[in-house]
Amino acid sequence: MDLNLAQRGRALVDWEVAARQTASALHAKVVASLIQQGLTADKLPDDMEERYSVIEGALADSATYRARSLLGEWCAKNHGLAAQEAFEEVRDGVVADLDAQREGPTSLEVLPHFEPPPYFSKVWFHRTEGGWDAGDYNGAVHSRIIQARYLSKCFPGDAVGDRRRTLGQVPARSYRRILEFGAASGQFTSAISDVFPEAEVWGVDPSLRMLEEAQRVGNAAGHAWRLFVGLGEDTRFESGSFDMVTAFAVHHELPPRIIKAWFDEAYRLLAPGGVVLFADVPRYANLDKYASWAFDWVARYHGEPYWRASAMMDFGEAARESGFVEVEARGLTAYDYPHIVMGQKPQ
């Protein structure tokens, strides 16, 4: 599902892509220069703040690092603004169609007890001005412009394949009812329905605007998803009513206490023998010190305040503490992405 942007909007987004790709190329040169100075990964401090100090001290006179930092800051601050401006340029010609796409078999409702928590409402994730729900069509802007035209080019890879490979790790090939925490704009929800076409799929997320886009996606594919504006840690759905609880690439936007609460709520919601399957960004412990610093640098300046604490959590331990058995926690690639944790509720 795409938006036909006008020429100026396309140019704005394309410029952001070029700037971000250039920043990535400069980052590789920065790391190469540090290694040439003898500062190999094994010589960096374990503590991340000390690591910053050592690396930035070694780069104090580096014009390449300054250029990389300036471009990175520009992209972090402006990519969302460019996408919103591109949308506003064509708004009058697309909103009627976007509204019509919400009609169909996928339902959307706000849970009656829902109140936006500060960890969500007070944070501008990805430095989206005003937060996820600030714009009335932010879900479409993020999915159809930022994801489709910016992130897919700046961070190339097989996003669809990653989601399907993650779902392919579960022990059964059929599930009656599946609940997704952090459903957002419906990308992983689509993969769930593709891999388990007979399952009844529910999704919960605190962002109304993102779920509006998920509703459009579900309707376009003819899915009867049940979507709820709410919190994964406090769904108040019936205990033991799901066969799988899952989430993909959303834990890094949660404080650790909420991540732990997600494991607890998943355990409560699962029927005996049910499966939890969560996937997120790589664990810092599984990366070399340059790679984890690079992730942390982007998270620090690009609007991800919980990334570091999340990436340092042991998801396997959290699952076991919640009562899950036969727990596996591992990466699906050599780069530890996606990093999955899977476990079962005892029979």
C-alpha atoms as a PDB file:
ATOM      1  CA  MET A   1       0.000   0.000   0.000  1.00  0.00           C
ATOM      2  CA  ASP A   2       1.669   3.182  -1.181  1.00  0.00           C
ATOM      3  CA  LEU A   3       0.954   6.882  -1.469  1.00  0.00           C
ATOM      4  CA  ASN A   4       1.555   8.645  -4.761  1.00  0.00           C
ATOM      5  CA  LEU A   5       3.592  11.632  -3.663  1.00  0.00           C
ATOM      6  CA  ALA A   6       3.947  14.845  -5.602  1.00  0.00           C
ATOM      7  CA  GLN A   7       7.317  15.784  -7.041  1.00  0.00           C
ATOM      8  CA  ARG A   8       8.375  18.026  -4.151  1.00  0.00           C
ATOM      9  CA  GLY A   9       7.460  15.420  -1.536  1.00  0.00           C
ATOM     10  CA  ARG A  10       9.353  12.698  -3.356  1.00  0.00           C
ATOM     11  CA  ALA A  11      12.385  14.952  -3.579  1.00  0.00           C
ATOM     12  CA  LEU A  12      12.253  15.736   0.143  1.00  0.00           C
ATOM     13  CA  VAL A  13      12.126  12.068   1.106  1.00  0.00           C
ATOM     14  CA  ASP A  14      14.766  11.065  -1.449  1.00  0.00           C
ATOM     15  CA  TRP A  15      17.118  13.712  -0.039  1.00  0.00           C
ATOM     16  CA  GLU A  16      16.628  12.304   3.455  1.00  0.00           C
ATOM     17  CA  VAL A  17      17.439   8.824   2.154  1.00  0.00           C
ATOM     18  CA  ALA A  18      20.618  10.045   0.481  1.00  0.00           C
ATOM     19  CA  ALA A  19      21.700  11.877   3.640  1.00  0.00           C
ATOM     20  CA  ARG A  20      21.105   8.800   5.827  1.00  0.00           C
ATOM     21  CA  GLN A  21      22.931   6.506   3.438  1.00  0.00           C
ATOM     22  CA  THR A  22      25.859   8.930   3.397  1.00  0.00           C
ATOM     23  CA  ALA A  23      25.901   8.995   7.211  1.00  0.00           C
ATOM     24  CA  SER A  24      26.103   5.189   7.234  1.00  0.00           C
ATOM     25  CA  ALA A  25      29.006   5.221   4.785  1.00  0.00           C
ATOM     26  CA  LEU A  26      30.816   7.803   6.905  1.00  0.00           C
ATOM     27  CA  HIS A  27      30.251   5.679  10.017  1.00  0.00           C
ATOM     28  CA  ALA A  28      32.080   2.774   8.389  1.00  0.00           C
ATOM     29  CA  LYS A  29      35.006   5.096   7.661  1.00  0.00           C
ATOM     30  CA  VAL A  30      34.985   6.315  11.276  1.00  0.00           C
ATOM     31  CA  VAL A  31      35.256   2.780  12.658  1.00  0.00           C
ATOM     32  CA  ALA A  32      37.973   1.892  10.137  1.00  0.00           C
ATOM     33  CA  SER A  33      40.010   4.928  11.217  1.00  0.00           C
ATOM     34  CA  LEU A  34      39.714   3.962  14.880  1.00  0.00           C
ATOM     35  CA  ILE A  35      40.915   0.436  14.173  1.00  0.00           C
ATOM     36  CA  GLN A  36      43.834   1.842  12.144  1.00  0.00           C
ATOM     37  CA  GLN A  37      44.771   3.802  15.272  1.00  0.00           C
ATOM     38  CA  GLY A  38      44.956   0.496  17.137  1.00  0.00           C
ATOM     39  CA  LEU A  39      41.653   0.936  18.981  1.00  0.00           C
ATOM     40  CA  THR A  40      40.207  -2.475  18.182  1.00  0.00           C
ATOM     41  CA  ALA A  41      36.901  -3.637  19.654  1.00  0.00           C
ATOM     42  CA  ASP A  42      38.570  -5.791  22.320  1.00  0.00           C
ATOM     43  CA  LYS A  43      40.333  -2.702  23.696  1.00  0.00           C
ATOM     44  CA  LEU A  44      37.146  -0.725  24.292  1.00  0.00           C
ATOM     45  CA  PRO A  45      35.683  -0.442  27.815  1.00  0.00           C
ATOM     46  CA  ASP A  46      32.794  -2.682  28.822  1.00  0.00           C
ATOM     47  CA  ASP A  47      30.822   0.240  30.246  1.00  0.00           C
ATOM     48  CA  MET A  48      28.980   2.035  27.431  1.00  0.00           C
ATOM     49  CA  GLU A  49      29.464   5.570  28.779  1.00  0.00           C
ATOM     50  CA  GLU A  50      33.187   4.946  29.195  1.00  0.00           C
ATOM     51  CA  ARG A  51      33.224   3.570  25.657  1.00  0.00           C
ATOM     52  CA  TYR A  52      31.677   6.800  24.365  1.00  0.00           C
ATOM     53  CA  SER A  53      34.343   8.779  26.176  1.00  0.00           C
ATOM     54  CA  VAL A  54      37.208   6.753  24.706  1.00  0.00           C
ATOM     55  CA  ILE A  55      35.816   6.729  21.151  1.00  0.00           C
ATOM     56  CA  GLU A  56      34.874  10.411  21.064  1.00  0.00           C
ATOM     57  CA  GLY A  57      38.225  11.334  22.549  1.00  0.00           C
ATOM     58  CA  ALA A  58      39.967   9.466  19.748  1.00  0.00           C
ATOM     59  CA  LEU A  59      37.734  11.219  17.212  1.00  0.00           C
ATOM     60  CA  ALA A  60      38.117  14.731  18.590  1.00  0.00           C
ATOM     61  CA  ASP A  61      39.880  15.961  15.446  1.00  0.00           C
ATOM     62  CA  SER A  62      37.979  13.824  12.944  1.00  0.00           C
ATOM     63  CA  ALA A  63      36.138  15.811  10.261  1.00  0.00           C
ATOM     64  CA  THR A  64      34.589  12.544   9.082  1.00  0.00           C
ATOM     65  CA  TYR A  65      33.042  11.921  12.492  1.00  0.00           C
ATOM     66  CA  ARG A  66      31.743  15.485  12.687  1.00  0.00           C
ATOM     67  CA  ALA A  67      30.141  15.117   9.253  1.00  0.00           C
ATOM     68  CA  ARG A  68      28.663  11.756  10.235  1.00  0.00           C
ATOM     69  CA  SER A  69      27.232  13.276  13.425  1.00  0.00           C
ATOM     70  CA  LEU A  70      25.752  16.295  11.644  1.00  0.00           C
ATOM     71  CA  LEU A  71      24.103  14.180   8.958  1.00  0.00           C
ATOM     72  CA  GLY A  72      22.818  11.737  11.558  1.00  0.00           C
ATOM     73  CA  GLU A  73      21.308  14.552  13.592  1.00  0.00           C
ATOM     74  CA  TRP A  74      19.745  16.100  10.492  1.00  0.00           C
ATOM     75  CA  CYS A  75      18.104  12.832   9.492  1.00  0.00           C
ATOM     76  CA  ALA A  76      16.889  12.055  13.000  1.00  0.00           C
ATOM     77  CA  LYS A  77      15.257  15.452  13.317  1.00  0.00           C
ATOM     78  CA  ASN A  78      13.947  15.933   9.793  1.00  0.00           C
ATOM     79  CA  HIS A  79      12.984  12.607   8.215  1.00  0.00           C
ATOM     80  CA  GLY A  80       9.606  12.601   9.951  1.00  0.00           C
ATOM     81  CA  LEU A  81       9.015  16.252   9.132  1.00  0.00           C
ATOM     82  CA  ALA A  82       9.850  15.600   5.471  1.00  0.00           C
ATOM     83  CA  ALA A  83       7.415  12.681   5.372  1.00  0.00           C
ATOM     84  CA  GLN A  84       4.659  14.747   6.980  1.00  0.00           C
ATOM     85  CA  GLU A  85       5.269  17.603   4.549  1.00  0.00           C
ATOM     86  CA  ALA A  86       5.142  15.181   1.631  1.00  0.00           C
ATOM     87  CA  PHE A  87       1.824  13.868   2.931  1.00  0.00           C
ATOM     88  CA  GLU A  88       0.339  17.331   3.402  1.00  0.00           C
ATOM     89  CA  GLU A  89       1.137  18.100  -0.216  1.00  0.00           C
ATOM     90  CA  VAL A  90      -1.225  15.328  -1.381  1.00  0.00           C
ATOM     91  CA  ARG A  91      -3.596  15.177   1.613  1.00  0.00           C
ATOM     92  CA  ASP A  92      -6.695  16.479  -0.162  1.00  0.00           C
ATOM     93  CA  GLY A  93      -6.413  13.811  -2.813  1.00  0.00           C
ATOM     94  CA  VAL A  94      -5.856  10.802  -0.528  1.00  0.00           C
ATOM     95  CA  VAL A  95      -7.795  11.157   2.739  1.00  0.00           C
ATOM     96  CA  ALA A  96     -11.133  10.027   1.297  1.00  0.00           C
ATOM     97  CA  ASP A  97      -9.513   6.815   0.083  1.00  0.00           C
ATOM     98  CA  LEU A  98      -7.689   6.309   3.391  1.00  0.00           C
ATOM     99  CA  ASP A  99     -10.958   6.705   5.286  1.00  0.00           C
ATOM    100  CA  ALA A 100     -12.745   4.280   2.966  1.00  0.00           C
ATOM    101  CA  GLN A 101     -10.042   1.667   3.554  1.00  0.00           C
ATOM    102  CA  ARG A 102     -11.063   1.493   7.215  1.00  0.00           C
ATOM    103  CA  GLU A 103     -14.370  -0.088   6.194  1.00  0.00           C
ATOM    104  CA  GLY A 104     -14.242  -3.867   6.164  1.00  0.00           C
ATOM    105  CA  PRO A 105     -13.888  -7.009   8.293  1.00  0.00           C
ATOM    106  CA  THR A 106     -11.078  -5.770  10.564  1.00  0.00           C
ATOM    107  CA  SER A 107     -12.502  -4.129  13.696  1.00  0.00           C
ATOM    108  CA  LEU A 108     -10.917  -1.476  15.905  1.00  0.00           C
ATOM    109  CA  GLU A 109     -11.976  -0.384  19.372  1.00  0.00           C
ATOM    110  CA  VAL A 110     -10.505   1.404  22.362  1.00  0.00           C
ATOM    111  CA  LEU A 111     -10.393  -0.718  25.520  1.00  0.00           C
ATOM    112  CA  PRO A 112     -12.573   1.019  28.124  1.00  0.00           C
ATOM    113  CA  HIS A 113      -9.876   1.099  30.806  1.00  0.00           C
ATOM    114  CA  PHE A 114      -7.130   2.410  28.505  1.00  0.00           C
ATOM    115  CA  GLU A 115      -5.140   5.476  29.535  1.00  0.00           C
ATOM    116  CA  PRO A 116      -1.943   6.404  27.641  1.00  0.00           C
ATOM    117  CA  PRO A 117       1.004   5.755  29.996  1.00  0.00           C
ATOM    118  CA  PRO A 118       3.807   8.328  30.290  1.00  0.00           C
ATOM    119  CA  TYR A 119       6.369   5.948  28.759  1.00  0.00           C
ATOM    120  CA  PHE A 120       4.305   6.199  25.568  1.00  0.00           C
ATOM    121  CA  SER A 121       2.590   9.585  25.650  1.00  0.00           C
ATOM    122  CA  LYS A 122       5.601  11.618  26.824  1.00  0.00           C
ATOM    123  CA  VAL A 123       8.116  10.237  24.322  1.00  0.00           C
ATOM    124  CA  TRP A 124       8.591  11.272  20.697  1.00  0.00           C
ATOM    125  CA  PHE A 125       9.760   7.882  19.386  1.00  0.00           C
ATOM    126  CA  HIS A 126      11.995   8.184  16.337  1.00  0.00           C
ATOM    127  CA  ARG A 127      11.758  11.906  17.112  1.00  0.00           C
ATOM    128  CA  THR A 128       8.314  11.977  15.530  1.00  0.00           C
ATOM    129  CA  GLU A 129       7.194  15.491  16.397  1.00  0.00           C
ATOM    130  CA  GLY A 130       4.415  15.328  18.990  1.00  0.00           C
ATOM    131  CA  GLY A 131       4.595  11.534  19.283  1.00  0.00           C
ATOM    132  CA  TRP A 132       2.985   8.722  17.333  1.00  0.00           C
ATOM    133  CA  ASP A 133      -0.551  10.094  17.552  1.00  0.00           C
ATOM    134  CA  ALA A 134       0.160  13.786  16.957  1.00  0.00           C
ATOM    135  CA  GLY A 135      -1.024  13.727  13.339  1.00  0.00           C
ATOM    136  CA  ASP A 136      -4.463  12.498  12.288  1.00  0.00           C
ATOM    137  CA  TYR A 137      -2.955  10.199   9.619  1.00  0.00           C
ATOM    138  CA  ASN A 138       0.362   9.418  11.305  1.00  0.00           C
ATOM    139  CA  GLY A 139      -0.106   5.684  10.850  1.00  0.00           C
ATOM    140  CA  ALA A 140      -0.355   6.036   7.086  1.00  0.00           C
ATOM    141  CA  VAL A 141       2.520   8.538   7.002  1.00  0.00           C
ATOM    142  CA  HIS A 142       4.789   6.234   8.971  1.00  0.00           C
ATOM    143  CA  SER A 143       3.874   3.040   7.129  1.00  0.00           C
ATOM    144  CA  ARG A 144       3.551   4.315   3.574  1.00  0.00           C
ATOM    145  CA  ILE A 145       6.235   6.983   3.510  1.00  0.00           C
ATOM    146  CA  ILE A 146       8.743   6.508   6.345  1.00  0.00           C
ATOM    147  CA  GLN A 147       8.768   2.707   6.302  1.00  0.00           C
ATOM    148  CA  ALA A 148       8.253   2.188   2.593  1.00  0.00           C
ATOM    149  CA  ARG A 149      10.366   5.026   1.182  1.00  0.00           C
ATOM    150  CA  TYR A 150      12.941   5.825   3.895  1.00  0.00           C
ATOM    151  CA  LEU A 151      13.690   3.003   6.326  1.00  0.00           C
ATOM    152  CA  SER A 152      13.526   0.261   3.688  1.00  0.00           C
ATOM    153  CA  LYS A 153      16.271   2.020   1.724  1.00  0.00           C
ATOM    154  CA  CYS A 154      18.393   3.170   4.665  1.00  0.00           C
ATOM    155  CA  PHE A 155      18.282  -0.170   6.466  1.00  0.00           C
ATOM    156  CA  PRO A 156      17.993  -2.714   3.646  1.00  0.00           C
ATOM    157  CA  GLY A 157      17.165  -6.310   4.386  1.00  0.00           C
ATOM    158  CA  ASP A 158      14.369  -8.818   4.166  1.00  0.00           C
ATOM    159  CA  ALA A 159      11.822  -7.367   6.590  1.00  0.00           C
ATOM    160  CA  VAL A 160       9.025  -9.675   5.441  1.00  0.00           C
ATOM    161  CA  GLY A 161      11.329 -12.686   5.580  1.00  0.00           C
ATOM    162  CA  ASP A 162      12.529 -11.772   9.077  1.00  0.00           C
ATOM    163  CA  ARG A 163       8.958 -11.755  10.340  1.00  0.00           C
ATOM    164  CA  ARG A 164       8.075 -15.059   8.723  1.00  0.00           C
ATOM    165  CA  ARG A 165      11.305 -16.717   9.902  1.00  0.00           C
ATOM    166  CA  THR A 166      10.481 -15.583  13.421  1.00  0.00           C
ATOM    167  CA  LEU A 167       7.035 -17.157  13.260  1.00  0.00           C
ATOM    168  CA  GLY A 168       8.562 -20.285  11.774  1.00  0.00           C
ATOM    169  CA  GLN A 169      10.348 -21.018  15.068  1.00  0.00           C
ATOM    170  CA  VAL A 170       7.203 -22.033  16.990  1.00  0.00           C
ATOM    171  CA  PRO A 171       6.610 -25.753  17.561  1.00  0.00           C
ATOM    172  CA  ALA A 172       3.087 -26.077  16.080  1.00  0.00           C
ATOM    173  CA  ARG A 173       1.839 -25.267  12.610  1.00  0.00           C
ATOM    174  CA  SER A 174      -1.680 -24.396  13.702  1.00  0.00           C
ATOM    175  CA  TYR A 175      -3.008 -22.041  16.385  1.00  0.00           C
ATOM    176  CA  ARG A 176      -6.606 -21.246  17.233  1.00  0.00           C
ATOM    177  CA  ARG A 177      -6.216 -17.695  18.548  1.00  0.00           C
ATOM    178  CA  ILE A 178      -3.121 -15.468  18.460  1.00  0.00           C
ATOM    179  CA  LEU A 179      -2.604 -12.148  20.244  1.00  0.00           C
ATOM    180  CA  GLU A 180      -0.002  -9.631  19.112  1.00  0.00           C
ATOM    181  CA  PHE A 181       1.348  -7.029  21.528  1.00  0.00           C
ATOM    182  CA  GLY A 182       2.446  -3.803  19.829  1.00  0.00           C
ATOM    183  CA  ALA A 183       0.574  -4.426  16.580  1.00  0.00           C
ATOM    184  CA  ALA A 184       1.284  -0.874  15.320  1.00  0.00           C
ATOM    185  CA  SER A 185       0.574  -0.541  11.578  1.00  0.00           C
ATOM    186  CA  GLY A 186      -0.013  -4.245  11.009  1.00  0.00           C
ATOM    187  CA  GLN A 187       3.193  -5.440   9.364  1.00  0.00           C
ATOM    188  CA  PHE A 188       3.808  -8.353  11.716  1.00  0.00           C
ATOM    189  CA  THR A 189       0.047  -8.908  11.973  1.00  0.00           C
ATOM    190  CA  SER A 190       0.050  -9.551   8.226  1.00  0.00           C
ATOM    191  CA  ALA A 191       2.840 -12.096   8.614  1.00  0.00           C
ATOM    192  CA  ILE A 192       0.881 -13.868  11.353  1.00  0.00           C
ATOM    193  CA  SER A 193      -2.129 -14.250   9.067  1.00  0.00           C
ATOM    194  CA  ASP A 194       0.075 -15.379   6.184  1.00  0.00           C
ATOM    195  CA  VAL A 195       1.794 -18.072   8.247  1.00  0.00           C
ATOM    196  CA  PHE A 196      -1.308 -19.115  10.245  1.00  0.00           C
ATOM    197  CA  PRO A 197      -4.248 -18.390   7.920  1.00  0.00           C
ATOM    198  CA  GLU A 198      -6.756 -20.305  10.045  1.00  0.00           C
ATOM    199  CA  ALA A 199      -5.971 -18.432  13.276  1.00  0.00           C
ATOM    200  CA  GLU A 200      -8.165 -15.759  14.827  1.00  0.00           C
ATOM    201  CA  VAL A 201      -5.798 -12.793  15.185  1.00  0.00           C
ATOM    202  CA  TRP A 202      -6.077 -10.074  17.818  1.00  0.00           C
ATOM    203  CA  GLY A 203      -3.766  -7.086  18.196  1.00  0.00           C
ATOM    204  CA  VAL A 204      -3.256  -4.471  20.892  1.00  0.00           C
ATOM    205  CA  ASP A 205      -1.277  -1.217  20.753  1.00  0.00           C
ATOM    206  CA  PRO A 206      -1.439   2.172  22.549  1.00  0.00           C
ATOM    207  CA  SER A 207      -1.394   4.138  19.281  1.00  0.00           C
ATOM    208  CA  LEU A 208      -4.801   4.764  17.733  1.00  0.00           C
ATOM    209  CA  ARG A 209      -3.252   6.213  14.580  1.00  0.00           C
ATOM    210  CA  MET A 210      -1.028   3.189  14.003  1.00  0.00           C
ATOM    211  CA  LEU A 211      -3.940   0.812  14.516  1.00  0.00           C
ATOM    212  CA  GLU A 212      -6.030   2.798  12.055  1.00  0.00           C
ATOM    213  CA  GLU A 213      -3.393   1.971   9.472  1.00  0.00           C
ATOM    214  CA  ALA A 214      -3.364  -1.676  10.601  1.00  0.00           C
ATOM    215  CA  GLN A 215      -7.128  -1.700  10.070  1.00  0.00           C
ATOM    216  CA  ARG A 216      -6.615  -0.488   6.497  1.00  0.00           C
ATOM    217  CA  VAL A 217      -4.009  -3.196   5.928  1.00  0.00           C
ATOM    218  CA  GLY A 218      -6.260  -5.895   7.374  1.00  0.00           C
ATOM    219  CA  ASN A 219      -9.262  -4.802   5.336  1.00  0.00           C
ATOM    220  CA  ALA A 220      -7.239  -4.668   2.110  1.00  0.00           C
ATOM    221  CA  ALA A 221      -6.292  -8.329   2.629  1.00  0.00           C
ATOM    222  CA  GLY A 222      -9.760  -9.375   3.769  1.00  0.00           C
ATOM    223  CA  HIS A 223      -8.666 -10.264   7.317  1.00  0.00           C
ATOM    224  CA  ALA A 224     -11.095 -10.125  10.233  1.00  0.00           C
ATOM    225  CA  TRP A 225      -8.519  -8.962  12.756  1.00  0.00           C
ATOM    226  CA  ARG A 226      -9.699  -7.660  16.128  1.00  0.00           C
ATOM    227  CA  LEU A 227      -7.604  -4.586  17.028  1.00  0.00           C
ATOM    228  CA  PHE A 228      -7.660  -2.798  20.362  1.00  0.00           C
ATOM    229  CA  VAL A 229      -6.160   0.447  21.568  1.00  0.00           C
ATOM    230  CA  GLY A 230      -4.637  -0.687  24.833  1.00  0.00           C
ATOM    231  CA  LEU A 231      -1.534  -1.930  26.611  1.00  0.00           C
ATOM    232  CA  GLY A 232       0.187  -5.284  26.375  1.00  0.00           C
ATOM    233  CA  GLU A 233       0.872  -5.222  30.097  1.00  0.00           C
ATOM    234  CA  ASP A 234      -2.803  -4.618  30.991  1.00  0.00           C
ATOM    235  CA  THR A 235      -5.173  -6.099  28.392  1.00  0.00           C
ATOM    236  CA  ARG A 236      -7.780  -7.462  30.830  1.00  0.00           C
ATOM    237  CA  PHE A 237      -8.655 -10.095  28.252  1.00  0.00           C
ATOM    238  CA  GLU A 238      -9.808 -13.451  29.611  1.00  0.00           C
ATOM    239  CA  SER A 239      -7.099 -15.592  31.216  1.00  0.00           C
ATOM    240  CA  GLY A 240      -6.077 -18.668  29.249  1.00  0.00           C
ATOM    241  CA  SER A 241      -7.831 -17.492  26.092  1.00  0.00           C
ATOM    242  CA  PHE A 242      -4.934 -17.524  23.579  1.00  0.00           C
ATOM    243  CA  ASP A 243      -2.683 -20.187  22.100  1.00  0.00           C
ATOM    244  CA  MET A 244       0.123 -17.798  21.175  1.00  0.00           C
ATOM    245  CA  VAL A 245       1.148 -14.326  22.367  1.00  0.00           C
ATOM    246  CA  THR A 246       3.717 -12.640  20.165  1.00  0.00           C
ATOM    247  CA  ALA A 247       5.427  -9.337  19.327  1.00  0.00           C
ATOM    248  CA  PHE A 248       8.053  -8.192  16.846  1.00  0.00           C
ATOM    249  CA  ALA A 249      10.589  -5.353  17.155  1.00  0.00           C
ATOM    250  CA  VAL A 250       8.750  -3.316  19.771  1.00  0.00           C
ATOM    251  CA  HIS A 251      10.411  -4.157  23.110  1.00  0.00           C
ATOM    252  CA  HIS A 252      13.147  -1.577  22.539  1.00  0.00           C
ATOM    253  CA  GLU A 253      10.434   1.087  22.883  1.00  0.00           C
ATOM    254  CA  LEU A 254       9.510  -0.122  26.370  1.00  0.00           C
ATOM    255  CA  PRO A 255      11.092   0.371  29.800  1.00  0.00           C
ATOM    256  CA  PRO A 256      12.393  -2.920  31.261  1.00  0.00           C
ATOM    257  CA  ARG A 257       9.653  -3.033  33.928  1.00  0.00           C
ATOM    258  CA  ILE A 258       7.030  -2.977  31.161  1.00  0.00           C
ATOM    259  CA  ILE A 259       8.859  -5.677  29.203  1.00  0.00           C
ATOM    260  CA  LYS A 260       8.745  -7.853  32.308  1.00  0.00           C
ATOM    261  CA  ALA A 261       5.044  -7.073  32.693  1.00  0.00           C
ATOM    262  CA  TRP A 262       4.505  -8.201  29.085  1.00  0.00           C
ATOM    263  CA  PHE A 263       5.952 -11.615  29.925  1.00  0.00           C
ATOM    264  CA  ASP A 264       3.709 -11.842  32.981  1.00  0.00           C
ATOM    265  CA  GLU A 265       0.601 -10.837  31.027  1.00  0.00           C
ATOM    266  CA  ALA A 266       1.441 -13.240  28.205  1.00  0.00           C
ATOM    267  CA  TYR A 267       1.682 -16.064  30.741  1.00  0.00           C
ATOM    268  CA  ARG A 268      -1.731 -15.169  32.202  1.00  0.00           C
ATOM    269  CA  LEU A 269      -3.394 -14.936  28.793  1.00  0.00           C
ATOM    270  CA  LEU A 270      -2.058 -18.206  27.396  1.00  0.00           C
ATOM    271  CA  ALA A 271      -3.864 -21.502  27.698  1.00  0.00           C
ATOM    272  CA  PRO A 272      -1.789 -24.381  29.144  1.00  0.00           C
ATOM    273  CA  GLY A 273       0.709 -25.424  26.487  1.00  0.00           C
ATOM    274  CA  GLY A 274       0.459 -22.015  24.783  1.00  0.00           C
ATOM    275  CA  VAL A 275       3.519 -20.317  23.306  1.00  0.00           C
ATOM    276  CA  VAL A 276       5.079 -16.928  23.855  1.00  0.00           C
ATOM    277  CA  LEU A 277       7.221 -15.664  20.972  1.00  0.00           C
ATOM    278  CA  PHE A 278       8.825 -12.241  21.291  1.00  0.00           C
ATOM    279  CA  ALA A 279      11.443 -10.851  18.902  1.00  0.00           C
ATOM    280  CA  ASP A 280      13.443  -7.651  19.133  1.00  0.00           C
ATOM    281  CA  VAL A 281      16.775  -5.977  18.374  1.00  0.00           C
ATOM    282  CA  PRO A 282      20.137  -7.685  19.050  1.00  0.00           C
ATOM    283  CA  ARG A 283      21.400  -8.112  22.601  1.00  0.00           C
ATOM    284  CA  TYR A 284      24.463  -5.975  23.270  1.00  0.00           C
ATOM    285  CA  ALA A 285      26.097  -8.977  24.919  1.00  0.00           C
ATOM    286  CA  ASN A 286      26.004 -10.795  21.566  1.00  0.00           C
ATOM    287  CA  LEU A 287      27.642  -7.985  19.551  1.00  0.00           C
ATOM    288  CA  ASP A 288      31.192  -6.715  19.439  1.00  0.00           C
ATOM    289  CA  LYS A 289      31.776  -3.409  21.214  1.00  0.00           C
ATOM    290  CA  TYR A 290      31.829  -1.336  18.043  1.00  0.00           C
ATOM    291  CA  ALA A 291      28.548  -2.790  16.805  1.00  0.00           C
ATOM    292  CA  SER A 292      26.773  -2.254  20.121  1.00  0.00           C
ATOM    293  CA  TRP A 293      28.155   1.300  20.306  1.00  0.00           C
ATOM    294  CA  ALA A 294      26.829   1.986  16.793  1.00  0.00           C
ATOM    295  CA  PHE A 295      23.352   0.769  17.765  1.00  0.00           C
ATOM    296  CA  ASP A 296      23.497   2.782  20.961  1.00  0.00           C
ATOM    297  CA  TRP A 297      24.631   5.927  19.155  1.00  0.00           C
ATOM    298  CA  VAL A 298      21.666   5.774  16.784  1.00  0.00           C
ATOM    299  CA  ALA A 299      19.265   5.028  19.640  1.00  0.00           C
ATOM    300  CA  ARG A 300      20.600   7.885  21.776  1.00  0.00           C
ATOM    301  CA  TYR A 301      20.191  10.545  19.105  1.00  0.00           C
ATOM    302  CA  HIS A 302      17.255   9.176  17.131  1.00  0.00           C
ATOM    303  CA  GLY A 303      14.550   9.078  19.797  1.00  0.00           C
ATOM    304  CA  GLU A 304      14.889   5.644  21.422  1.00  0.00           C
ATOM    305  CA  PRO A 305      15.250   6.327  25.162  1.00  0.00           C
ATOM    306  CA  TYR A 306      14.660   2.711  26.255  1.00  0.00           C
ATOM    307  CA  TRP A 307      16.792   0.947  23.646  1.00  0.00           C
ATOM    308  CA  ARG A 308      19.942   0.460  25.735  1.00  0.00           C
ATOM    309  CA  ALA A 309      18.197  -0.895  28.816  1.00  0.00           C
ATOM    310  CA  SER A 310      16.076  -3.187  26.658  1.00  0.00           C
ATOM    311  CA  ALA A 311      19.042  -4.433  24.610  1.00  0.00           C
ATOM    312  CA  MET A 312      20.894  -5.312  27.804  1.00  0.00           C
ATOM    313  CA  MET A 313      18.002  -7.416  29.177  1.00  0.00           C
ATOM    314  CA  ASP A 314      18.166 -11.197  29.213  1.00  0.00           C
ATOM    315  CA  PHE A 315      14.812 -12.066  27.674  1.00  0.00           C
ATOM    316  CA  GLY A 316      15.267 -15.752  28.435  1.00  0.00           C
ATOM    317  CA  GLU A 317      15.644 -15.054  32.126  1.00  0.00           C
ATOM    318  CA  ALA A 318      12.589 -12.771  32.071  1.00  0.00           C
ATOM    319  CA  ALA A 319      10.518 -15.526  30.445  1.00  0.00           C
ATOM    320  CA  ARG A 320      11.573 -18.095  33.017  1.00  0.00           C
ATOM    321  CA  GLU A 321      10.815 -15.711  35.882  1.00  0.00           C
ATOM    322  CA  SER A 322       7.264 -15.394  34.543  1.00  0.00           C
ATOM    323  CA  GLY A 323       6.834 -19.177  34.625  1.00  0.00           C
ATOM    324  CA  PHE A 324       7.586 -20.245  31.048  1.00  0.00           C
ATOM    325  CA  VAL A 325       9.391 -23.532  30.422  1.00  0.00           C
ATOM    326  CA  GLU A 326      11.418 -24.902  27.495  1.00  0.00           C
ATOM    327  CA  VAL A 327      12.653 -21.352  27.003  1.00  0.00           C
ATOM    328  CA  GLU A 328      14.936 -20.527  24.071  1.00  0.00           C
ATOM    329  CA  ALA A 329      16.600 -17.144  23.588  1.00  0.00           C
ATOM    330  CA  ARG A 330      18.744 -16.741  20.474  1.00  0.00           C
ATOM    331  CA  GLY A 331      19.376 -14.723  17.349  1.00  0.00           C
ATOM    332  CA  LEU A 332      18.225 -15.973  13.977  1.00  0.00           C
ATOM    333  CA  THR A 333      21.287 -14.639  12.134  1.00  0.00           C
ATOM    334  CA  ALA A 334      24.960 -14.106  12.806  1.00  0.00           C
ATOM    335  CA  TYR A 335      24.067 -10.505  13.668  1.00  0.00           C
ATOM    336  CA  ASP A 336      21.617 -11.673  16.381  1.00  0.00           C
ATOM    337  CA  TYR A 337      18.651 -10.146  14.554  1.00  0.00           C
ATOM    338  CA  PRO A 338      15.911 -10.795  15.114  1.00  0.00           C
ATOM    339  CA  HIS A 339      16.705 -11.884  18.664  1.00  0.00           C
ATOM    340  CA  ILE A 340      13.874 -14.151  19.751  1.00  0.00           C
ATOM    341  CA  VAL A 341      12.689 -15.595  23.024  1.00  0.00           C
ATOM    342  CA  MET A 342      10.249 -18.476  22.952  1.00  0.00           C
ATOM    343  CA  GLY A 343       8.721 -20.511  25.744  1.00  0.00           C
ATOM    344  CA  GLN A 344       5.674 -22.538  26.708  1.00  0.00           C
ATOM    345  CA  LYS A 345       3.166 -22.264  29.515  1.00  0.00           C
ATOM    346  CA  PRO A 346       3.264 -25.606  31.355  1.00  0.00           C
ATOM    347  CA  GLN A 347       0.484 -28.077  30.555  1.00  0.00           C
END
